Amino acid sequence: MEIASQCLLVLRKELRHLWRARTRATATSTFALACLFLFSFAGGLDGETLRNNAAGYLWVGLLLASTLALGESFRVETEHGALEALLLFPVHPVAIFLGKALGNMLTLLAVGLAMVPFTVALFDAAPREGVLTLAACVFSGSAAIAAPGTMHSALASRARARDVLLPLLLFPLVLPCVVAATQATRLAITGDPMNQLGSWLSVTVAFAIVHWSLGALLFPFVVED
């Protein structure tokens, strides 16, 4: 209960910071939508092919944009020495990780949901399995990216080339769960005649559970170093 209350305090701090620095969410959303527009004007593809590939375009755009949001996760604390001061307070490192990861997950979820109507409009990708199913795919994928992204953001925050180091560390780790989320999203858009969507969604949720569990176990060692 103590860790949960501390986690909520860290999350409230993150949300307050996100509200005050709204340019971070704006830049992330703009970059993600720009990726969608570039994919839609790539040329040479018929409407049916674009519709079948819409899920891949959505997740590639969200994955690339996630580096902007995750890269800023520990920048303020690192530049002003606030992380060390936070650790001096009676705040458990796991609470810091969970609060930060929840804030990043909400940011990615908001960006992903904002991309959905543009994906539908640009690629004629109205979800046949329902909007809630598509939202569940975006939620599970965002959760699977946010936890390892938070931990690797903490690792790369003190490096000089942190903007380059973060995607190099993050992309190989989250690629399997992004593939699973892409497959689930594709079935939500094009239809699921063989009932495979639930399996792909379960794989994405399993990756999210593993990533959050490992992040909570390893983060105390990351911040101590």
C-alpha atoms as a PDB file:
ATOM      1  CA  MET A   1       0.000   0.000   0.000  1.00  0.00           C
ATOM      2  CA  GLU A   2       2.882   2.367   0.741  1.00  0.00           C
ATOM      3  CA  ILE A   3       4.442   1.727  -2.687  1.00  0.00           C
ATOM      4  CA  ALA A   4       1.035   2.217  -4.325  1.00  0.00           C
ATOM      5  CA  SER A   5       0.516   5.584  -2.632  1.00  0.00           C
ATOM      6  CA  GLN A   6       4.040   6.688  -3.574  1.00  0.00           C
ATOM      7  CA  CYS A   7       3.416   5.537  -7.143  1.00  0.00           C
ATOM      8  CA  LEU A   8       0.297   7.706  -7.325  1.00  0.00           C
ATOM      9  CA  LEU A   9       2.281  10.695  -6.072  1.00  0.00           C
ATOM     10  CA  VAL A  10       4.946  10.171  -8.747  1.00  0.00           C
ATOM     11  CA  LEU A  11       2.250   9.722 -11.378  1.00  0.00           C
ATOM     12  CA  ARG A  12       0.557  12.945 -10.283  1.00  0.00           C
ATOM     13  CA  LYS A  13       3.899  14.746 -10.591  1.00  0.00           C
ATOM     14  CA  GLU A  14       4.377  13.308 -14.091  1.00  0.00           C
ATOM     15  CA  LEU A  15       0.905  14.342 -15.222  1.00  0.00           C
ATOM     16  CA  ARG A  16       1.426  17.830 -13.838  1.00  0.00           C
ATOM     17  CA  HIS A  17       4.722  18.063 -15.707  1.00  0.00           C
ATOM     18  CA  LEU A  18       3.087  16.806 -18.907  1.00  0.00           C
ATOM     19  CA  TRP A  19       0.387  19.446 -18.603  1.00  0.00           C
ATOM     20  CA  ARG A  20       2.892  22.232 -18.034  1.00  0.00           C
ATOM     21  CA  ALA A  21       5.157  21.028 -20.868  1.00  0.00           C
ATOM     22  CA  ARG A  22       2.442  20.300 -23.398  1.00  0.00           C
ATOM     23  CA  THR A  23       4.894  20.784 -26.256  1.00  0.00           C
ATOM     24  CA  ARG A  24       6.231  17.290 -25.513  1.00  0.00           C
ATOM     25  CA  ALA A  25       2.889  15.618 -26.260  1.00  0.00           C
ATOM     26  CA  THR A  26       2.299  17.965 -29.204  1.00  0.00           C
ATOM     27  CA  ALA A  27       5.650  17.136 -30.777  1.00  0.00           C
ATOM     28  CA  THR A  28       5.095  13.403 -30.281  1.00  0.00           C
ATOM     29  CA  SER A  29       1.615  13.524 -31.812  1.00  0.00           C
ATOM     30  CA  THR A  30       2.760  15.671 -34.729  1.00  0.00           C
ATOM     31  CA  PHE A  31       5.622  13.316 -35.530  1.00  0.00           C
ATOM     32  CA  ALA A  32       3.351  10.265 -35.365  1.00  0.00           C
ATOM     33  CA  LEU A  33       0.749  11.861 -37.653  1.00  0.00           C
ATOM     34  CA  ALA A  34       3.465  12.988 -40.068  1.00  0.00           C
ATOM     35  CA  CYS A  35       4.578   9.354 -40.342  1.00  0.00           C
ATOM     36  CA  LEU A  36       1.013   8.335 -41.224  1.00  0.00           C
ATOM     37  CA  PHE A  37       0.761  10.994 -43.920  1.00  0.00           C
ATOM     38  CA  LEU A  38       4.093   9.927 -45.407  1.00  0.00           C
ATOM     39  CA  PHE A  39       2.980   6.309 -45.518  1.00  0.00           C
ATOM     40  CA  SER A  40      -0.322   7.257 -47.147  1.00  0.00           C
ATOM     41  CA  PHE A  41       1.443   9.165 -49.924  1.00  0.00           C
ATOM     42  CA  ALA A  42       4.160   6.566 -50.491  1.00  0.00           C
ATOM     43  CA  GLY A  43       2.444   5.813 -53.806  1.00  0.00           C
ATOM     44  CA  GLY A  44       2.024   2.753 -55.963  1.00  0.00           C
ATOM     45  CA  LEU A  45      -0.331   0.840 -53.683  1.00  0.00           C
ATOM     46  CA  ASP A  46      -4.013   0.165 -54.220  1.00  0.00           C
ATOM     47  CA  GLY A  47      -6.644   0.876 -51.598  1.00  0.00           C
ATOM     48  CA  GLU A  48      -6.984  -2.724 -50.410  1.00  0.00           C
ATOM     49  CA  THR A  49      -3.246  -3.083 -49.850  1.00  0.00           C
ATOM     50  CA  LEU A  50      -3.105   0.182 -47.925  1.00  0.00           C
ATOM     51  CA  ARG A  51      -5.988  -0.986 -45.769  1.00  0.00           C
ATOM     52  CA  ASN A  52      -4.279  -4.296 -45.007  1.00  0.00           C
ATOM     53  CA  ASN A  53      -1.071  -2.449 -44.103  1.00  0.00           C
ATOM     54  CA  ALA A  54      -2.788   0.246 -42.022  1.00  0.00           C
ATOM     55  CA  ALA A  55      -2.046  -1.517 -38.731  1.00  0.00           C
ATOM     56  CA  GLY A  56       1.652  -1.700 -39.553  1.00  0.00           C
ATOM     57  CA  TYR A  57       1.736   1.984 -40.464  1.00  0.00           C
ATOM     58  CA  LEU A  58       0.029   2.901 -37.194  1.00  0.00           C
ATOM     59  CA  TRP A  59       2.455   0.950 -35.037  1.00  0.00           C
ATOM     60  CA  VAL A  60       5.577   2.026 -36.916  1.00  0.00           C
ATOM     61  CA  GLY A  61       4.507   5.638 -36.480  1.00  0.00           C
ATOM     62  CA  LEU A  62       3.751   5.140 -32.780  1.00  0.00           C
ATOM     63  CA  LEU A  63       7.015   3.257 -32.160  1.00  0.00           C
ATOM     64  CA  LEU A  64       9.099   5.970 -33.812  1.00  0.00           C
ATOM     65  CA  ALA A  65       7.212   8.706 -31.979  1.00  0.00           C
ATOM     66  CA  SER A  66       7.618   6.898 -28.657  1.00  0.00           C
ATOM     67  CA  THR A  67      11.337   7.710 -28.644  1.00  0.00           C
ATOM     68  CA  LEU A  68      10.458  11.419 -28.391  1.00  0.00           C
ATOM     69  CA  ALA A  69       8.168  10.890 -25.400  1.00  0.00           C
ATOM     70  CA  LEU A  70      10.336   8.321 -23.628  1.00  0.00           C
ATOM     71  CA  GLY A  71      13.531  10.278 -24.233  1.00  0.00           C
ATOM     72  CA  GLU A  72      12.148  13.167 -22.175  1.00  0.00           C
ATOM     73  CA  SER A  73      11.079  10.944 -19.285  1.00  0.00           C
ATOM     74  CA  PHE A  74      14.225  11.453 -17.176  1.00  0.00           C
ATOM     75  CA  ARG A  75      15.722  14.487 -18.900  1.00  0.00           C
ATOM     76  CA  VAL A  76      14.477  17.020 -16.339  1.00  0.00           C
ATOM     77  CA  GLU A  77      15.540  14.923 -13.356  1.00  0.00           C
ATOM     78  CA  THR A  78      18.980  14.308 -14.858  1.00  0.00           C
ATOM     79  CA  GLU A  79      19.685  17.911 -15.848  1.00  0.00           C
ATOM     80  CA  HIS A  80      18.676  19.369 -12.471  1.00  0.00           C
ATOM     81  CA  GLY A  81      19.867  16.532 -10.241  1.00  0.00           C
ATOM     82  CA  ALA A  82      16.305  15.892  -9.118  1.00  0.00           C
ATOM     83  CA  LEU A  83      16.517  12.105  -9.365  1.00  0.00           C
ATOM     84  CA  GLU A  84      19.163  11.907  -6.644  1.00  0.00           C
ATOM     85  CA  ALA A  85      17.111  14.234  -4.478  1.00  0.00           C
ATOM     86  CA  LEU A  86      14.022  12.107  -5.062  1.00  0.00           C
ATOM     87  CA  LEU A  87      15.886   8.972  -4.018  1.00  0.00           C
ATOM     88  CA  LEU A  88      16.954  10.675  -0.775  1.00  0.00           C
ATOM     89  CA  PHE A  89      13.311  10.964   0.200  1.00  0.00           C
ATOM     90  CA  PRO A  90      11.564   7.845   1.545  1.00  0.00           C
ATOM     91  CA  VAL A  91      10.328   6.934  -1.939  1.00  0.00           C
ATOM     92  CA  HIS A  92      10.825   3.372  -3.096  1.00  0.00           C
ATOM     93  CA  PRO A  93      12.549   3.059  -6.514  1.00  0.00           C
ATOM     94  CA  VAL A  94       9.772   0.696  -7.641  1.00  0.00           C
ATOM     95  CA  ALA A  95       7.242   3.473  -7.000  1.00  0.00           C
ATOM     96  CA  ILE A  96       9.328   5.841  -9.120  1.00  0.00           C
ATOM     97  CA  PHE A  97       9.428   3.307 -11.942  1.00  0.00           C
ATOM     98  CA  LEU A  98       5.718   2.532 -11.808  1.00  0.00           C
ATOM     99  CA  GLY A  99       4.736   6.208 -11.661  1.00  0.00           C
ATOM    100  CA  LYS A 100       7.030   7.111 -14.551  1.00  0.00           C
ATOM    101  CA  ALA A 101       5.940   4.106 -16.617  1.00  0.00           C
ATOM    102  CA  LEU A 102       2.256   4.845 -16.053  1.00  0.00           C
ATOM    103  CA  GLY A 103       2.797   8.431 -17.168  1.00  0.00           C
ATOM    104  CA  ASN A 104       4.597   7.260 -20.307  1.00  0.00           C
ATOM    105  CA  MET A 105       1.908   4.674 -20.996  1.00  0.00           C
ATOM    106  CA  LEU A 106      -0.828   7.305 -20.787  1.00  0.00           C
ATOM    107  CA  THR A 107       1.144   9.523 -23.166  1.00  0.00           C
ATOM    108  CA  LEU A 108       1.598   6.721 -25.712  1.00  0.00           C
ATOM    109  CA  LEU A 109      -2.028   5.680 -25.323  1.00  0.00           C
ATOM    110  CA  ALA A 110      -3.218   9.231 -25.991  1.00  0.00           C
ATOM    111  CA  VAL A 111      -0.999   9.504 -29.069  1.00  0.00           C
ATOM    112  CA  GLY A 112      -2.088   6.077 -30.330  1.00  0.00           C
ATOM    113  CA  LEU A 113      -5.787   6.833 -29.896  1.00  0.00           C
ATOM    114  CA  ALA A 114      -5.279  10.181 -31.629  1.00  0.00           C
ATOM    115  CA  MET A 115      -3.737   8.309 -34.584  1.00  0.00           C
ATOM    116  CA  VAL A 116      -6.714   5.963 -34.956  1.00  0.00           C
ATOM    117  CA  PRO A 117      -9.147   8.370 -36.692  1.00  0.00           C
ATOM    118  CA  PHE A 118      -6.414   9.538 -39.056  1.00  0.00           C
ATOM    119  CA  THR A 119      -5.579   5.917 -39.841  1.00  0.00           C
ATOM    120  CA  VAL A 120      -9.242   5.206 -40.571  1.00  0.00           C
ATOM    121  CA  ALA A 121      -9.527   8.270 -42.821  1.00  0.00           C
ATOM    122  CA  LEU A 122      -6.246   7.876 -44.711  1.00  0.00           C
ATOM    123  CA  PHE A 123      -6.373   4.126 -45.299  1.00  0.00           C
ATOM    124  CA  ASP A 124     -10.135   3.450 -45.221  1.00  0.00           C
ATOM    125  CA  ALA A 125      -9.440   1.231 -42.209  1.00  0.00           C
ATOM    126  CA  ALA A 126     -12.696   1.260 -40.264  1.00  0.00           C
ATOM    127  CA  PRO A 127     -12.383  -1.515 -37.629  1.00  0.00           C
ATOM    128  CA  ARG A 128     -14.701  -4.410 -38.434  1.00  0.00           C
ATOM    129  CA  GLU A 129     -14.266  -5.860 -34.948  1.00  0.00           C
ATOM    130  CA  GLY A 130     -15.348  -2.643 -33.247  1.00  0.00           C
ATOM    131  CA  VAL A 131     -13.702   0.475 -31.886  1.00  0.00           C
ATOM    132  CA  LEU A 132     -13.300  -0.961 -28.382  1.00  0.00           C
ATOM    133  CA  THR A 133     -11.334  -3.926 -29.719  1.00  0.00           C
ATOM    134  CA  LEU A 134      -9.034  -1.586 -31.608  1.00  0.00           C
ATOM    135  CA  ALA A 135      -8.620   0.556 -28.482  1.00  0.00           C
ATOM    136  CA  ALA A 136      -7.699  -2.572 -26.502  1.00  0.00           C
ATOM    137  CA  CYS A 137      -4.960  -3.345 -29.046  1.00  0.00           C
ATOM    138  CA  VAL A 138      -3.567   0.181 -28.728  1.00  0.00           C
ATOM    139  CA  PHE A 139      -3.724   0.005 -24.929  1.00  0.00           C
ATOM    140  CA  SER A 140      -1.917  -3.342 -24.636  1.00  0.00           C
ATOM    141  CA  GLY A 141       0.765  -2.323 -27.131  1.00  0.00           C
ATOM    142  CA  SER A 142       1.334   1.019 -25.405  1.00  0.00           C
ATOM    143  CA  ALA A 143       1.706  -0.753 -22.052  1.00  0.00           C
ATOM    144  CA  ALA A 144       4.211  -3.214 -23.538  1.00  0.00           C
ATOM    145  CA  ILE A 145       6.345  -0.344 -24.906  1.00  0.00           C
ATOM    146  CA  ALA A 146       6.098   2.012 -21.917  1.00  0.00           C
ATOM    147  CA  ALA A 147       7.706  -0.211 -19.264  1.00  0.00           C
ATOM    148  CA  PRO A 148      10.960  -1.111 -21.075  1.00  0.00           C
ATOM    149  CA  GLY A 149      11.031   2.383 -22.570  1.00  0.00           C
ATOM    150  CA  THR A 150      11.019   3.895 -19.076  1.00  0.00           C
ATOM    151  CA  MET A 151      13.814   1.665 -17.849  1.00  0.00           C
ATOM    152  CA  HIS A 152      16.007   2.239 -20.900  1.00  0.00           C
ATOM    153  CA  SER A 153      15.307   5.950 -20.736  1.00  0.00           C
ATOM    154  CA  ALA A 154      16.772   5.907 -17.227  1.00  0.00           C
ATOM    155  CA  LEU A 155      19.788   3.974 -18.516  1.00  0.00           C
ATOM    156  CA  ALA A 156      20.406   6.355 -21.414  1.00  0.00           C
ATOM    157  CA  SER A 157      19.605   9.581 -19.555  1.00  0.00           C
ATOM    158  CA  ARG A 158      23.178  10.108 -18.363  1.00  0.00           C
ATOM    159  CA  ALA A 159      24.822   9.254 -21.682  1.00  0.00           C
ATOM    160  CA  ARG A 160      25.926  11.981 -24.069  1.00  0.00           C
ATOM    161  CA  ALA A 161      24.336  10.251 -27.066  1.00  0.00           C
ATOM    162  CA  ARG A 162      21.119   9.413 -25.216  1.00  0.00           C
ATOM    163  CA  ASP A 163      18.885  10.339 -28.164  1.00  0.00           C
ATOM    164  CA  VAL A 164      20.700   7.742 -30.290  1.00  0.00           C
ATOM    165  CA  LEU A 165      21.223   5.189 -27.531  1.00  0.00           C
ATOM    166  CA  LEU A 166      17.575   4.910 -26.488  1.00  0.00           C
ATOM    167  CA  PRO A 167      16.183   3.547 -29.796  1.00  0.00           C
ATOM    168  CA  LEU A 168      19.170   1.211 -30.141  1.00  0.00           C
ATOM    169  CA  LEU A 169      18.382  -0.300 -26.741  1.00  0.00           C
ATOM    170  CA  LEU A 170      14.601  -0.185 -26.995  1.00  0.00           C
ATOM    171  CA  PHE A 171      13.690  -1.308 -30.517  1.00  0.00           C
ATOM    172  CA  PRO A 172      15.189  -4.838 -30.407  1.00  0.00           C
ATOM    173  CA  LEU A 173      13.490  -5.473 -27.059  1.00  0.00           C
ATOM    174  CA  VAL A 174       9.990  -4.301 -27.988  1.00  0.00           C
ATOM    175  CA  LEU A 175       9.957  -5.541 -31.588  1.00  0.00           C
ATOM    176  CA  PRO A 176       8.241  -8.885 -30.751  1.00  0.00           C
ATOM    177  CA  CYS A 177       5.426  -7.229 -28.804  1.00  0.00           C
ATOM    178  CA  VAL A 178       4.997  -4.592 -31.536  1.00  0.00           C
ATOM    179  CA  VAL A 179       4.633  -7.402 -34.089  1.00  0.00           C
ATOM    180  CA  ALA A 180       1.973  -9.045 -31.912  1.00  0.00           C
ATOM    181  CA  ALA A 181       0.160  -5.717 -31.443  1.00  0.00           C
ATOM    182  CA  THR A 182       0.321  -5.103 -35.194  1.00  0.00           C
ATOM    183  CA  GLN A 183      -1.223  -8.476 -35.963  1.00  0.00           C
ATOM    184  CA  ALA A 184      -3.997  -7.922 -33.410  1.00  0.00           C
ATOM    185  CA  THR A 185      -4.684  -4.444 -34.809  1.00  0.00           C
ATOM    186  CA  ARG A 186      -4.730  -5.763 -38.385  1.00  0.00           C
ATOM    187  CA  LEU A 187      -7.324  -8.379 -37.458  1.00  0.00           C
ATOM    188  CA  ALA A 188      -9.377  -5.750 -35.628  1.00  0.00           C
ATOM    189  CA  ILE A 189      -9.414  -3.662 -38.817  1.00  0.00           C
ATOM    190  CA  THR A 190      -9.800  -6.289 -41.538  1.00  0.00           C
ATOM    191  CA  GLY A 191     -11.880  -8.810 -39.588  1.00  0.00           C
ATOM    192  CA  ASP A 192     -11.154 -11.989 -37.657  1.00  0.00           C
ATOM    193  CA  PRO A 193     -12.837 -14.947 -39.429  1.00  0.00           C
ATOM    194  CA  MET A 194     -10.549 -17.530 -37.766  1.00  0.00           C
ATOM    195  CA  ASN A 195     -10.684 -16.080 -34.231  1.00  0.00           C
ATOM    196  CA  GLN A 196      -6.968 -15.283 -34.054  1.00  0.00           C
ATOM    197  CA  LEU A 197      -7.273 -11.789 -32.616  1.00  0.00           C
ATOM    198  CA  GLY A 198      -7.632 -12.985 -29.030  1.00  0.00           C
ATOM    199  CA  SER A 199      -4.427 -15.020 -29.285  1.00  0.00           C
ATOM    200  CA  TRP A 200      -2.371 -12.099 -30.624  1.00  0.00           C
ATOM    201  CA  LEU A 201      -3.853  -9.783 -28.012  1.00  0.00           C
ATOM    202  CA  SER A 202      -2.975 -12.297 -25.278  1.00  0.00           C
ATOM    203  CA  VAL A 203       0.621 -12.388 -26.541  1.00  0.00           C
ATOM    204  CA  THR A 204       0.805  -8.599 -26.358  1.00  0.00           C
ATOM    205  CA  VAL A 205      -0.605  -8.594 -22.818  1.00  0.00           C
ATOM    206  CA  ALA A 206       1.881 -11.314 -21.814  1.00  0.00           C
ATOM    207  CA  PHE A 207       4.767  -9.187 -23.115  1.00  0.00           C
ATOM    208  CA  ALA A 208       3.406  -6.221 -21.164  1.00  0.00           C
ATOM    209  CA  ILE A 209       3.220  -8.238 -17.930  1.00  0.00           C
ATOM    210  CA  VAL A 210       6.775  -9.542 -18.367  1.00  0.00           C
ATOM    211  CA  HIS A 211       8.154  -6.091 -19.191  1.00  0.00           C
ATOM    212  CA  TRP A 212       6.482  -4.420 -16.218  1.00  0.00           C
ATOM    213  CA  SER A 213       7.573  -7.189 -13.838  1.00  0.00           C
ATOM    214  CA  LEU A 214      11.197  -7.129 -15.001  1.00  0.00           C
ATOM    215  CA  GLY A 215      11.239  -3.349 -14.982  1.00  0.00           C
ATOM    216  CA  ALA A 216      10.065  -3.237 -11.364  1.00  0.00           C
ATOM    217  CA  LEU A 217      12.750  -5.772 -10.385  1.00  0.00           C
ATOM    218  CA  LEU A 218      15.647  -4.169 -12.277  1.00  0.00           C
ATOM    219  CA  PHE A 219      14.927  -0.463 -11.929  1.00  0.00           C
ATOM    220  CA  PRO A 220      16.332  -0.154  -8.362  1.00  0.00           C
ATOM    221  CA  PHE A 221      19.705  -1.382  -9.655  1.00  0.00           C
ATOM    222  CA  VAL A 222      19.563   1.046 -12.581  1.00  0.00           C
ATOM    223  CA  VAL A 223      19.042   4.140 -10.442  1.00  0.00           C
ATOM    224  CA  GLU A 224      21.579   3.016  -7.833  1.00  0.00           C
ATOM    225  CA  ASP A 225      24.292   2.890 -10.498  1.00  0.00           C
END
